[in-house]
Amino acid sequence: MKKEKVYETNHAIVLGFIIIGYLFNFIWCYFIAIGVLIISVFSAIGANKIAQFWIFIGKIMGYINSRIILGLFFFLLLTPFALIIRFFMKKKNAIKTSNWETNHQHLDFTKPF
């Protein structure tokens, strides 16, 4: 990861913890924000490790959230729609069991033209 992206990620983490601490009145969020800021300023290796860990957590959350969102979309939107279509649409070919059609024309091959 590029150096600028590492610092950008760490600053986003710091800002996020400050906002969460302010909104929910959690003191420990401020301590985490100060710790991440100090590590990212004084240690390039530590800043890189924090950014890599944050990206790893993001991938895990993306994996879980995509499954939850797609599952809810399927069961809450598509399943009722399919059931409504099944119950209220008329079946056009209810009696007919096959699409085979017989041709009753007699072909005479003695006069092709």
PDB file of N, CA and C in Angstrom:
ATOM      1  N   MET A   1       0.851  -1.166   0.000  1.00  0.00           N
ATOM      2  CA  MET A   1       0.000   0.000   0.000  1.00  0.00           C
ATOM      3  C   MET A   1       0.902   1.235   0.000  1.00  0.00           C
ATOM      4  N   LYS A   2       0.515   2.250  -0.746  1.00  0.00           N
ATOM      5  CA  LYS A   2       1.305   3.470  -0.819  1.00  0.00           C
ATOM      6  C   LYS A   2       1.286   4.211   0.517  1.00  0.00           C
ATOM      7  N   LYS A   3       2.347   4.967   0.745  1.00  0.00           N
ATOM      8  CA  LYS A   3       2.497   5.681   2.000  1.00  0.00           C
ATOM      9  C   LYS A   3       1.354   6.676   2.227  1.00  0.00           C
ATOM     10  N   GLU A   4       0.947   7.357   1.158  1.00  0.00           N
ATOM     11  CA  GLU A   4      -0.141   8.330   1.292  1.00  0.00           C
ATOM     12  C   GLU A   4      -1.457   7.653   1.666  1.00  0.00           C
ATOM     13  N   LYS A   5      -1.702   6.491   1.071  1.00  0.00           N
ATOM     14  CA  LYS A   5      -2.941   5.756   1.367  1.00  0.00           C
ATOM     15  C   LYS A   5      -2.940   5.237   2.802  1.00  0.00           C
ATOM     16  N   VAL A   6      -1.758   4.834   3.293  1.00  0.00           N
ATOM     17  CA  VAL A   6      -1.663   4.348   4.674  1.00  0.00           C
ATOM     18  C   VAL A   6      -2.028   5.467   5.634  1.00  0.00           C
ATOM     19  N   TYR A   7      -1.451   6.639   5.425  1.00  0.00           N
ATOM     20  CA  TYR A   7      -1.746   7.757   6.313  1.00  0.00           C
ATOM     21  C   TYR A   7      -3.189   8.240   6.154  1.00  0.00           C
ATOM     22  N   GLU A   8      -3.690   8.193   4.952  1.00  0.00           N
ATOM     23  CA  GLU A   8      -5.082   8.566   4.715  1.00  0.00           C
ATOM     24  C   GLU A   8      -6.027   7.623   5.459  1.00  0.00           C
ATOM     25  N   THR A   9      -5.728   6.324   5.416  1.00  0.00           N
ATOM     26  CA  THR A   9      -6.535   5.335   6.123  1.00  0.00           C
ATOM     27  C   THR A   9      -6.466   5.552   7.626  1.00  0.00           C
ATOM     28  N   ASN A  10      -5.268   5.798   8.141  1.00  0.00           N
ATOM     29  CA  ASN A  10      -5.113   6.004   9.585  1.00  0.00           C
ATOM     30  C   ASN A  10      -5.814   7.280  10.047  1.00  0.00           C
ATOM     31  N   HIS A  11      -5.760   8.320   9.237  1.00  0.00           N
ATOM     32  CA  HIS A  11      -6.464   9.549   9.615  1.00  0.00           C
ATOM     33  C   HIS A  11      -7.974   9.351   9.572  1.00  0.00           C
ATOM     34  N   ALA A  12      -8.464   8.552   8.652  1.00  0.00           N
ATOM     35  CA  ALA A  12      -9.895   8.245   8.610  1.00  0.00           C
ATOM     36  C   ALA A  12     -10.310   7.451   9.850  1.00  0.00           C
ATOM     37  N   ILE A  13      -9.442   6.533  10.296  1.00  0.00           N
ATOM     38  CA  ILE A  13      -9.728   5.767  11.514  1.00  0.00           C
ATOM     39  C   ILE A  13      -9.793   6.705  12.715  1.00  0.00           C
ATOM     40  N   VAL A  14      -8.815   7.605  12.815  1.00  0.00           N
ATOM     41  CA  VAL A  14      -8.790   8.561  13.924  1.00  0.00           C
ATOM     42  C   VAL A  14     -10.041   9.424  13.914  1.00  0.00           C
ATOM     43  N   LEU A  15     -10.401   9.964  12.749  1.00  0.00           N
ATOM     44  CA  LEU A  15     -11.589  10.808  12.651  1.00  0.00           C
ATOM     45  C   LEU A  15     -12.857  10.025  12.992  1.00  0.00           C
ATOM     46  N   GLY A  16     -12.920   8.787  12.534  1.00  0.00           N
ATOM     47  CA  GLY A  16     -14.089   7.959  12.842  1.00  0.00           C
ATOM     48  C   GLY A  16     -14.241   7.702  14.329  1.00  0.00           C
ATOM     49  N   PHE A  17     -13.145   7.395  15.009  1.00  0.00           N
ATOM     50  CA  PHE A  17     -13.227   7.165  16.455  1.00  0.00           C
ATOM     51  C   PHE A  17     -13.566   8.444  17.211  1.00  0.00           C
ATOM     52  N   ILE A  18     -13.072   9.591  16.736  1.00  0.00           N
ATOM     53  CA  ILE A  18     -13.425  10.856  17.385  1.00  0.00           C
ATOM     54  C   ILE A  18     -14.918  11.139  17.221  1.00  0.00           C
ATOM     55  N   ILE A  19     -15.451  10.912  16.048  1.00  0.00           N
ATOM     56  CA  ILE A  19     -16.882  11.151  15.810  1.00  0.00           C
ATOM     57  C   ILE A  19     -17.735  10.191  16.630  1.00  0.00           C
ATOM     58  N   ILE A  20     -17.351   8.908  16.672  1.00  0.00           N
ATOM     59  CA  ILE A  20     -18.112   7.940  17.476  1.00  0.00           C
ATOM     60  C   ILE A  20     -18.047   8.311  18.953  1.00  0.00           C
ATOM     61  N   GLY A  21     -16.874   8.719  19.430  1.00  0.00           N
ATOM     62  CA  GLY A  21     -16.743   9.145  20.823  1.00  0.00           C
ATOM     63  C   GLY A  21     -17.591  10.357  21.143  1.00  0.00           C
ATOM     64  N   TYR A  22     -17.673  11.282  20.210  1.00  0.00           N
ATOM     65  CA  TYR A  22     -18.477  12.488  20.431  1.00  0.00           C
ATOM     66  C   TYR A  22     -19.973  12.173  20.404  1.00  0.00           C
ATOM     67  N   LEU A  23     -20.409  11.370  19.420  1.00  0.00           N
ATOM     68  CA  LEU A  23     -21.835  11.081  19.275  1.00  0.00           C
ATOM     69  C   LEU A  23     -22.391  10.232  20.417  1.00  0.00           C
ATOM     70  N   PHE A  24     -21.638   9.236  20.830  1.00  0.00           N
ATOM     71  CA  PHE A  24     -22.144   8.290  21.827  1.00  0.00           C
ATOM     72  C   PHE A  24     -21.544   8.487  23.210  1.00  0.00           C
ATOM     73  N   ASN A  25     -20.704   9.524  23.348  1.00  0.00           N
ATOM     74  CA  ASN A  25     -20.093   9.870  24.626  1.00  0.00           C
ATOM     75  C   ASN A  25     -19.263   8.706  25.194  1.00  0.00           C
ATOM     76  N   PHE A  26     -18.436   8.095  24.319  1.00  0.00           N
ATOM     77  CA  PHE A  26     -17.538   7.024  24.729  1.00  0.00           C
ATOM     78  C   PHE A  26     -16.137   7.610  24.881  1.00  0.00           C
ATOM     79  N   ILE A  27     -15.620   7.580  26.089  1.00  0.00           N
ATOM     80  CA  ILE A  27     -14.285   8.106  26.344  1.00  0.00           C
ATOM     81  C   ILE A  27     -13.213   7.225  25.713  1.00  0.00           C
ATOM     82  N   TRP A  28     -13.426   5.915  25.693  1.00  0.00           N
ATOM     83  CA  TRP A  28     -12.415   5.000  25.172  1.00  0.00           C
ATOM     84  C   TRP A  28     -12.155   5.214  23.686  1.00  0.00           C
ATOM     85  N   CYS A  29     -13.120   5.757  22.955  1.00  0.00           N
ATOM     86  CA  CYS A  29     -12.897   6.047  21.530  1.00  0.00           C
ATOM     87  C   CYS A  29     -11.840   7.123  21.350  1.00  0.00           C
ATOM     88  N   TYR A  30     -11.817   8.099  22.255  1.00  0.00           N
ATOM     89  CA  TYR A  30     -10.792   9.144  22.180  1.00  0.00           C
ATOM     90  C   TYR A  30      -9.400   8.561  22.420  1.00  0.00           C
ATOM     91  N   PHE A  31      -9.299   7.628  23.363  1.00  0.00           N
ATOM     92  CA  PHE A  31      -8.000   7.015  23.648  1.00  0.00           C
ATOM     93  C   PHE A  31      -7.504   6.192  22.454  1.00  0.00           C
ATOM     94  N   ILE A  32      -8.414   5.473  21.804  1.00  0.00           N
ATOM     95  CA  ILE A  32      -8.025   4.711  20.614  1.00  0.00           C
ATOM     96  C   ILE A  32      -7.601   5.660  19.498  1.00  0.00           C
ATOM     97  N   ALA A  33      -8.320   6.760  19.325  1.00  0.00           N
ATOM     98  CA  ALA A  33      -7.973   7.735  18.292  1.00  0.00           C
ATOM     99  C   ALA A  33      -6.602   8.348  18.555  1.00  0.00           C
ATOM    100  N   ILE A  34      -6.324   8.693  19.786  1.00  0.00           N
ATOM    101  CA  ILE A  34      -5.016   9.263  20.125  1.00  0.00           C
ATOM    102  C   ILE A  34      -3.920   8.225  19.927  1.00  0.00           C
ATOM    103  N   GLY A  35      -4.186   6.977  20.311  1.00  0.00           N
ATOM    104  CA  GLY A  35      -3.191   5.914  20.129  1.00  0.00           C
ATOM    105  C   GLY A  35      -2.878   5.662  18.666  1.00  0.00           C
ATOM    106  N   VAL A  36      -3.892   5.585  17.827  1.00  0.00           N
ATOM    107  CA  VAL A  36      -3.680   5.371  16.389  1.00  0.00           C
ATOM    108  C   VAL A  36      -2.938   6.552  15.782  1.00  0.00           C
ATOM    109  N   LEU A  37      -3.280   7.763  16.215  1.00  0.00           N
ATOM    110  CA  LEU A  37      -2.607   8.950  15.694  1.00  0.00           C
ATOM    111  C   LEU A  37      -1.134   8.971  16.079  1.00  0.00           C
ATOM    112  N   ILE A  38      -0.823   8.644  17.324  1.00  0.00           N
ATOM    113  CA  ILE A  38       0.579   8.628  17.767  1.00  0.00           C
ATOM    114  C   ILE A  38       1.365   7.555  17.035  1.00  0.00           C
ATOM    115  N   ILE A  39       0.783   6.361  16.893  1.00  0.00           N
ATOM    116  CA  ILE A  39       1.478   5.282  16.182  1.00  0.00           C
ATOM    117  C   ILE A  39       1.695   5.647  14.723  1.00  0.00           C
ATOM    118  N   SER A  40       0.698   6.236  14.086  1.00  0.00           N
ATOM    119  CA  SER A  40       0.843   6.560  12.663  1.00  0.00           C
ATOM    120  C   SER A  40       1.812   7.709  12.418  1.00  0.00           C
ATOM    121  N   VAL A  41       1.963   8.603  13.372  1.00  0.00           N
ATOM    122  CA  VAL A  41       2.903   9.714  13.207  1.00  0.00           C
ATOM    123  C   VAL A  41       4.339   9.262  13.439  1.00  0.00           C
ATOM    124  N   PHE A  42       4.585   8.440  14.452  1.00  0.00           N
ATOM    125  CA  PHE A  42       5.947   8.106  14.845  1.00  0.00           C
ATOM    126  C   PHE A  42       6.480   6.788  14.288  1.00  0.00           C
ATOM    127  N   SER A  43       5.623   5.941  13.722  1.00  0.00           N
ATOM    128  CA  SER A  43       6.096   4.643  13.224  1.00  0.00           C
ATOM    129  C   SER A  43       5.443   4.327  11.882  1.00  0.00           C
ATOM    130  N   ALA A  44       6.263   4.261  10.853  1.00  0.00           N
ATOM    131  CA  ALA A  44       5.730   3.928   9.526  1.00  0.00           C
ATOM    132  C   ALA A  44       5.277   2.470   9.477  1.00  0.00           C
ATOM    133  N   ILE A  45       6.022   1.590  10.143  1.00  0.00           N
ATOM    134  CA  ILE A  45       5.649   0.169  10.170  1.00  0.00           C
ATOM    135  C   ILE A  45       4.337  -0.017  10.940  1.00  0.00           C
ATOM    136  N   GLY A  46       4.206   0.675  12.078  1.00  0.00           N
ATOM    137  CA  GLY A  46       2.969   0.590  12.854  1.00  0.00           C
ATOM    138  C   GLY A  46       1.782   1.137  12.090  1.00  0.00           C
ATOM    139  N   ALA A  47       2.005   2.240  11.371  1.00  0.00           N
ATOM    140  CA  ALA A  47       0.929   2.811  10.564  1.00  0.00           C
ATOM    141  C   ALA A  47       0.496   1.830   9.479  1.00  0.00           C
ATOM    142  N   ASN A  48       1.451   1.164   8.863  1.00  0.00           N
ATOM    143  CA  ASN A  48       1.144   0.179   7.831  1.00  0.00           C
ATOM    144  C   ASN A  48       0.379  -1.009   8.405  1.00  0.00           C
ATOM    145  N   LYS A  49       0.777  -1.472   9.583  1.00  0.00           N
ATOM    146  CA  LYS A  49       0.085  -2.599  10.230  1.00  0.00           C
ATOM    147  C   LYS A  49      -1.359  -2.224  10.588  1.00  0.00           C
ATOM    148  N   ILE A  50      -1.551  -1.004  11.088  1.00  0.00           N
ATOM    149  CA  ILE A  50      -2.909  -0.563  11.431  1.00  0.00           C
ATOM    150  C   ILE A  50      -3.774  -0.496  10.175  1.00  0.00           C
ATOM    151  N   ALA A  51      -3.218   0.046   9.088  1.00  0.00           N
ATOM    152  CA  ALA A  51      -3.978   0.149   7.834  1.00  0.00           C
ATOM    153  C   ALA A  51      -4.298  -1.237   7.276  1.00  0.00           C
ATOM    154  N   GLN A  52      -3.337  -2.159   7.332  1.00  0.00           N
ATOM    155  CA  GLN A  52      -3.591  -3.521   6.849  1.00  0.00           C
ATOM    156  C   GLN A  52      -4.667  -4.207   7.683  1.00  0.00           C
ATOM    157  N   PHE A  53      -4.628  -4.019   9.006  1.00  0.00           N
ATOM    158  CA  PHE A  53      -5.640  -4.608   9.874  1.00  0.00           C
ATOM    159  C   PHE A  53      -7.016  -4.023   9.561  1.00  0.00           C
ATOM    160  N   TRP A  54      -7.076  -2.721   9.321  1.00  0.00           N
ATOM    161  CA  TRP A  54      -8.344  -2.064   9.004  1.00  0.00           C
ATOM    162  C   TRP A  54      -8.921  -2.577   7.684  1.00  0.00           C
ATOM    163  N   ILE A  55      -8.050  -2.775   6.688  1.00  0.00           N
ATOM    164  CA  ILE A  55      -8.500  -3.311   5.403  1.00  0.00           C
ATOM    165  C   ILE A  55      -9.003  -4.743   5.577  1.00  0.00           C
ATOM    166  N   PHE A  56      -8.328  -5.531   6.403  1.00  0.00           N
ATOM    167  CA  PHE A  56      -8.745  -6.904   6.687  1.00  0.00           C
ATOM    168  C   PHE A  56     -10.127  -6.931   7.345  1.00  0.00           C
ATOM    169  N   ILE A  57     -10.338  -6.067   8.341  1.00  0.00           N
ATOM    170  CA  ILE A  57     -11.645  -5.986   9.005  1.00  0.00           C
ATOM    171  C   ILE A  57     -12.721  -5.567   8.000  1.00  0.00           C
ATOM    172  N   GLY A  58     -12.384  -4.634   7.112  1.00  0.00           N
ATOM    173  CA  GLY A  58     -13.339  -4.195   6.090  1.00  0.00           C
ATOM    174  C   GLY A  58     -13.733  -5.312   5.139  1.00  0.00           C
ATOM    175  N   LYS A  59     -12.765  -6.169   4.774  1.00  0.00           N
ATOM    176  CA  LYS A  59     -13.087  -7.294   3.891  1.00  0.00           C
ATOM    177  C   LYS A  59     -14.012  -8.291   4.584  1.00  0.00           C
ATOM    178  N   ILE A  60     -13.757  -8.555   5.845  1.00  0.00           N
ATOM    179  CA  ILE A  60     -14.622  -9.475   6.597  1.00  0.00           C
ATOM    180  C   ILE A  60     -16.040  -8.907   6.698  1.00  0.00           C
ATOM    181  N   MET A  61     -16.149  -7.621   7.033  1.00  0.00           N
ATOM    182  CA  MET A  61     -17.468  -6.997   7.146  1.00  0.00           C
ATOM    183  C   MET A  61     -18.179  -6.968   5.798  1.00  0.00           C
ATOM    184  N   GLY A  62     -17.437  -6.736   4.719  1.00  0.00           N
ATOM    185  CA  GLY A  62     -18.042  -6.748   3.389  1.00  0.00           C
ATOM    186  C   GLY A  62     -18.571  -8.118   3.015  1.00  0.00           C
ATOM    187  N   TYR A  63     -17.829  -9.158   3.375  1.00  0.00           N
ATOM    188  CA  TYR A  63     -18.270 -10.523   3.097  1.00  0.00           C
ATOM    189  C   TYR A  63     -19.564 -10.834   3.844  1.00  0.00           C
ATOM    190  N   ILE A  64     -19.602 -10.493   5.120  1.00  0.00           N
ATOM    191  CA  ILE A  64     -20.776 -10.793   5.938  1.00  0.00           C
ATOM    192  C   ILE A  64     -21.967  -9.945   5.508  1.00  0.00           C
ATOM    193  N   ASN A  65     -21.743  -8.643   5.324  1.00  0.00           N
ATOM    194  CA  ASN A  65     -22.853  -7.747   4.978  1.00  0.00           C
ATOM    195  C   ASN A  65     -23.449  -8.059   3.615  1.00  0.00           C
ATOM    196  N   SER A  66     -22.619  -8.436   2.657  1.00  0.00           N
ATOM    197  CA  SER A  66     -23.176  -8.756   1.340  1.00  0.00           C
ATOM    198  C   SER A  66     -24.093  -9.972   1.422  1.00  0.00           C
ATOM    199  N   ARG A  67     -23.740 -10.956   2.226  1.00  0.00           N
ATOM    200  CA  ARG A  67     -24.604 -12.134   2.384  1.00  0.00           C
ATOM    201  C   ARG A  67     -25.915 -11.766   3.059  1.00  0.00           C
ATOM    202  N   ILE A  68     -25.833 -10.923   4.076  1.00  0.00           N
ATOM    203  CA  ILE A  68     -27.044 -10.521   4.794  1.00  0.00           C
ATOM    204  C   ILE A  68     -27.956  -9.695   3.885  1.00  0.00           C
ATOM    205  N   ILE A  69     -27.391  -8.723   3.196  1.00  0.00           N
ATOM    206  CA  ILE A  69     -28.200  -7.845   2.346  1.00  0.00           C
ATOM    207  C   ILE A  69     -28.823  -8.617   1.193  1.00  0.00           C
ATOM    208  N   LEU A  70     -28.052  -9.479   0.540  1.00  0.00           N
ATOM    209  CA  LEU A  70     -28.610 -10.250  -0.568  1.00  0.00           C
ATOM    210  C   LEU A  70     -29.649 -11.257  -0.086  1.00  0.00           C
ATOM    211  N   GLY A  71     -29.439 -11.844   1.078  1.00  0.00           N
ATOM    212  CA  GLY A  71     -30.425 -12.765   1.634  1.00  0.00           C
ATOM    213  C   GLY A  71     -31.728 -12.062   1.965  1.00  0.00           C
ATOM    214  N   LEU A  72     -31.629 -10.888   2.585  1.00  0.00           N
ATOM    215  CA  LEU A  72     -32.839 -10.122   2.889  1.00  0.00           C
ATOM    216  C   LEU A  72     -33.545  -9.684   1.610  1.00  0.00           C
ATOM    217  N   PHE A  73     -32.776  -9.260   0.611  1.00  0.00           N
ATOM    218  CA  PHE A  73     -33.368  -8.862  -0.669  1.00  0.00           C
ATOM    219  C   PHE A  73     -34.129 -10.027  -1.287  1.00  0.00           C
ATOM    220  N   PHE A  74     -33.528 -11.210  -1.256  1.00  0.00           N
ATOM    221  CA  PHE A  74     -34.176 -12.371  -1.853  1.00  0.00           C
ATOM    222  C   PHE A  74     -35.447 -12.743  -1.106  1.00  0.00           C
ATOM    223  N   PHE A  75     -35.380 -12.868   0.217  1.00  0.00           N
ATOM    224  CA  PHE A  75     -36.525 -13.362   0.973  1.00  0.00           C
ATOM    225  C   PHE A  75     -37.598 -12.310   1.194  1.00  0.00           C
ATOM    226  N   LEU A  76     -37.248 -11.051   1.257  1.00  0.00           N
ATOM    227  CA  LEU A  76     -38.248 -10.025   1.526  1.00  0.00           C
ATOM    228  C   LEU A  76     -38.833  -9.391   0.271  1.00  0.00           C
ATOM    229  N   LEU A  77     -38.133  -9.485  -0.856  1.00  0.00           N
ATOM    230  CA  LEU A  77     -38.626  -8.829  -2.059  1.00  0.00           C
ATOM    231  C   LEU A  77     -38.962  -9.832  -3.163  1.00  0.00           C
ATOM    232  N   LEU A  78     -38.046 -10.697  -3.492  1.00  0.00           N
ATOM    233  CA  LEU A  78     -38.266 -11.599  -4.614  1.00  0.00           C
ATOM    234  C   LEU A  78     -39.221 -12.745  -4.304  1.00  0.00           C
ATOM    235  N   THR A  79     -39.147 -13.317  -3.121  1.00  0.00           N
ATOM    236  CA  THR A  79     -40.015 -14.437  -2.776  1.00  0.00           C
ATOM    237  C   THR A  79     -41.494 -14.034  -2.747  1.00  0.00           C
ATOM    238  N   PRO A  80     -41.882 -12.943  -2.088  1.00  0.00           N
ATOM    239  CA  PRO A  80     -43.299 -12.561  -2.142  1.00  0.00           C
ATOM    240  C   PRO A  80     -43.761 -12.217  -3.556  1.00  0.00           C
ATOM    241  N   PHE A  81     -42.890 -11.571  -4.340  1.00  0.00           N
ATOM    242  CA  PHE A  81     -43.244 -11.248  -5.717  1.00  0.00           C
ATOM    243  C   PHE A  81     -43.507 -12.525  -6.516  1.00  0.00           C
ATOM    244  N   ALA A  82     -42.662 -13.535  -6.359  1.00  0.00           N
ATOM    245  CA  ALA A  82     -42.851 -14.800  -7.072  1.00  0.00           C
ATOM    246  C   ALA A  82     -44.123 -15.510  -6.615  1.00  0.00           C
ATOM    247  N   LEU A  83     -44.411 -15.465  -5.329  1.00  0.00           N
ATOM    248  CA  LEU A  83     -45.637 -16.098  -4.839  1.00  0.00           C
ATOM    249  C   LEU A  83     -46.888 -15.385  -5.357  1.00  0.00           C
ATOM    250  N   ILE A  84     -46.857 -14.061  -5.415  1.00  0.00           N
ATOM    251  CA  ILE A  84     -47.991 -13.309  -5.961  1.00  0.00           C
ATOM    252  C   ILE A  84     -48.203 -13.660  -7.427  1.00  0.00           C
ATOM    253  N   ILE A  85     -47.132 -13.714  -8.186  1.00  0.00           N
ATOM    254  CA  ILE A  85     -47.240 -14.075  -9.607  1.00  0.00           C
ATOM    255  C   ILE A  85     -47.789 -15.488  -9.752  1.00  0.00           C
ATOM    256  N   ARG A  86     -47.337 -16.406  -8.941  1.00  0.00           N
ATOM    257  CA  ARG A  86     -47.788 -17.792  -9.043  1.00  0.00           C
ATOM    258  C   ARG A  86     -49.267 -17.940  -8.711  1.00  0.00           C
ATOM    259  N   PHE A  87     -49.762 -17.229  -7.711  1.00  0.00           N
ATOM    260  CA  PHE A  87     -51.152 -17.389  -7.289  1.00  0.00           C
ATOM    261  C   PHE A  87     -52.142 -16.647  -8.169  1.00  0.00           C
ATOM    262  N   PHE A  88     -51.754 -15.526  -8.751  1.00  0.00           N
ATOM    263  CA  PHE A  88     -52.716 -14.696  -9.453  1.00  0.00           C
ATOM    264  C   PHE A  88     -52.634 -14.747 -10.970  1.00  0.00           C
ATOM    265  N   MET A  89     -51.660 -15.365 -11.518  1.00  0.00           N
ATOM    266  CA  MET A  89     -51.563 -15.470 -12.977  1.00  0.00           C
ATOM    267  C   MET A  89     -52.271 -16.743 -13.430  1.00  0.00           C
ATOM    268  N   LYS A  90     -52.993 -16.634 -14.533  1.00  0.00           N
ATOM    269  CA  LYS A  90     -53.683 -17.797 -15.081  1.00  0.00           C
ATOM    270  C   LYS A  90     -52.689 -18.653 -15.856  1.00  0.00           C
ATOM    271  N   LYS A  91     -52.909 -19.943 -15.769  1.00  0.00           N
ATOM    272  CA  LYS A  91     -52.075 -20.853 -16.540  1.00  0.00           C
ATOM    273  C   LYS A  91     -52.693 -21.021 -17.921  1.00  0.00           C
ATOM    274  N   LYS A  92     -51.940 -20.728 -18.943  1.00  0.00           N
ATOM    275  CA  LYS A  92     -52.474 -20.782 -20.311  1.00  0.00           C
ATOM    276  C   LYS A  92     -52.557 -22.205 -20.850  1.00  0.00           C
ATOM    277  N   ASN A  93     -51.594 -23.017 -20.525  1.00  0.00           N
ATOM    278  CA  ASN A  93     -51.542 -24.378 -21.064  1.00  0.00           C
ATOM    279  C   ASN A  93     -51.794 -25.397 -19.958  1.00  0.00           C
ATOM    280  N   ALA A  94     -52.892 -25.244 -19.252  1.00  0.00           N
ATOM    281  CA  ALA A  94     -53.160 -26.154 -18.143  1.00  0.00           C
ATOM    282  C   ALA A  94     -53.526 -27.551 -18.620  1.00  0.00           C
ATOM    283  N   ILE A  95     -54.293 -27.665 -19.735  1.00  0.00           N
ATOM    284  CA  ILE A  95     -54.724 -28.972 -20.228  1.00  0.00           C
ATOM    285  C   ILE A  95     -53.670 -29.567 -21.150  1.00  0.00           C
ATOM    286  N   LYS A  96     -53.091 -28.746 -21.949  1.00  0.00           N
ATOM    287  CA  LYS A  96     -52.123 -29.207 -22.929  1.00  0.00           C
ATOM    288  C   LYS A  96     -50.844 -29.665 -22.219  1.00  0.00           C
ATOM    289  N   THR A  97     -50.411 -30.873 -22.524  1.00  0.00           N
ATOM    290  CA  THR A  97     -49.230 -31.405 -21.856  1.00  0.00           C
ATOM    291  C   THR A  97     -48.004 -31.415 -22.753  1.00  0.00           C
ATOM    292  N   SER A  98     -48.190 -31.180 -24.046  1.00  0.00           N
ATOM    293  CA  SER A  98     -47.077 -31.240 -24.970  1.00  0.00           C
ATOM    294  C   SER A  98     -47.214 -30.142 -26.018  1.00  0.00           C
ATOM    295  N   ASN A  99     -46.112 -29.758 -26.596  1.00  0.00           N
ATOM    296  CA  ASN A  99     -46.114 -28.759 -27.655  1.00  0.00           C
ATOM    297  C   ASN A  99     -46.023 -29.398 -29.044  1.00  0.00           C
ATOM    298  N   TRP A 100     -46.186 -30.686 -29.134  1.00  0.00           N
ATOM    299  CA  TRP A 100     -46.092 -31.407 -30.405  1.00  0.00           C
ATOM    300  C   TRP A 100     -47.323 -31.141 -31.242  1.00  0.00           C
ATOM    301  N   GLU A 101     -47.099 -30.736 -32.480  1.00  0.00           N
ATOM    302  CA  GLU A 101     -48.211 -30.496 -33.396  1.00  0.00           C
ATOM    303  C   GLU A 101     -48.037 -31.409 -34.598  1.00  0.00           C
ATOM    304  N   THR A 102     -49.130 -32.068 -34.977  1.00  0.00           N
ATOM    305  CA  THR A 102     -49.063 -32.960 -36.129  1.00  0.00           C
ATOM    306  C   THR A 102     -49.472 -32.202 -37.379  1.00  0.00           C
ATOM    307  N   ASN A 103     -48.826 -32.534 -38.468  1.00  0.00           N
ATOM    308  CA  ASN A 103     -49.124 -31.919 -39.750  1.00  0.00           C
ATOM    309  C   ASN A 103     -49.966 -32.895 -40.554  1.00  0.00           C
ATOM    310  N   HIS A 104     -51.169 -32.506 -40.888  1.00  0.00           N
ATOM    311  CA  HIS A 104     -52.100 -33.398 -41.568  1.00  0.00           C
ATOM    312  C   HIS A 104     -52.085 -33.222 -43.091  1.00  0.00           C
ATOM    313  N   GLN A 105     -51.126 -32.538 -43.615  1.00  0.00           N
ATOM    314  CA  GLN A 105     -51.049 -32.379 -45.056  1.00  0.00           C
ATOM    315  C   GLN A 105     -50.406 -33.616 -45.681  1.00  0.00           C
ATOM    316  N   HIS A 106     -50.924 -33.964 -46.874  1.00  0.00           N
ATOM    317  CA  HIS A 106     -50.361 -35.074 -47.606  1.00  0.00           C
ATOM    318  C   HIS A 106     -49.359 -34.520 -48.591  1.00  0.00           C
ATOM    319  N   LEU A 107     -48.134 -35.008 -48.520  1.00  0.00           N
ATOM    320  CA  LEU A 107     -47.092 -34.543 -49.436  1.00  0.00           C
ATOM    321  C   LEU A 107     -46.998 -35.471 -50.640  1.00  0.00           C
ATOM    322  N   ASP A 108     -46.959 -34.881 -51.820  1.00  0.00           N
ATOM    323  CA  ASP A 108     -46.836 -35.649 -53.050  1.00  0.00           C
ATOM    324  C   ASP A 108     -45.476 -35.335 -53.647  1.00  0.00           C
ATOM    325  N   PHE A 109     -44.582 -36.304 -53.593  1.00  0.00           N
ATOM    326  CA  PHE A 109     -43.224 -36.082 -54.098  1.00  0.00           C
ATOM    327  C   PHE A 109     -43.080 -36.357 -55.602  1.00  0.00           C
ATOM    328  N   THR A 110     -44.143 -36.770 -56.247  1.00  0.00           N
ATOM    329  CA  THR A 110     -44.051 -37.020 -57.692  1.00  0.00           C
ATOM    330  C   THR A 110     -44.065 -35.716 -58.485  1.00  0.00           C
ATOM    331  N   LYS A 111     -44.672 -34.691 -57.958  1.00  0.00           N
ATOM    332  CA  LYS A 111     -44.712 -33.381 -58.607  1.00  0.00           C
ATOM    333  C   LYS A 111     -44.094 -32.342 -57.667  1.00  0.00           C
ATOM    334  N   PRO A 112     -42.793 -32.201 -57.676  1.00  0.00           N
ATOM    335  CA  PRO A 112     -42.184 -31.284 -56.731  1.00  0.00           C
ATOM    336  C   PRO A 112     -42.424 -29.806 -57.035  1.00  0.00           C
ATOM    337  N   PHE A 113     -42.741 -29.452 -58.319  1.00  0.00           N
ATOM    338  CA  PHE A 113     -42.929 -28.050 -58.657  1.00  0.00           C
ATOM    339  C   PHE A 113     -44.324 -27.755 -59.095  1.00  0.00           C
TER     340      PHE A 113
END
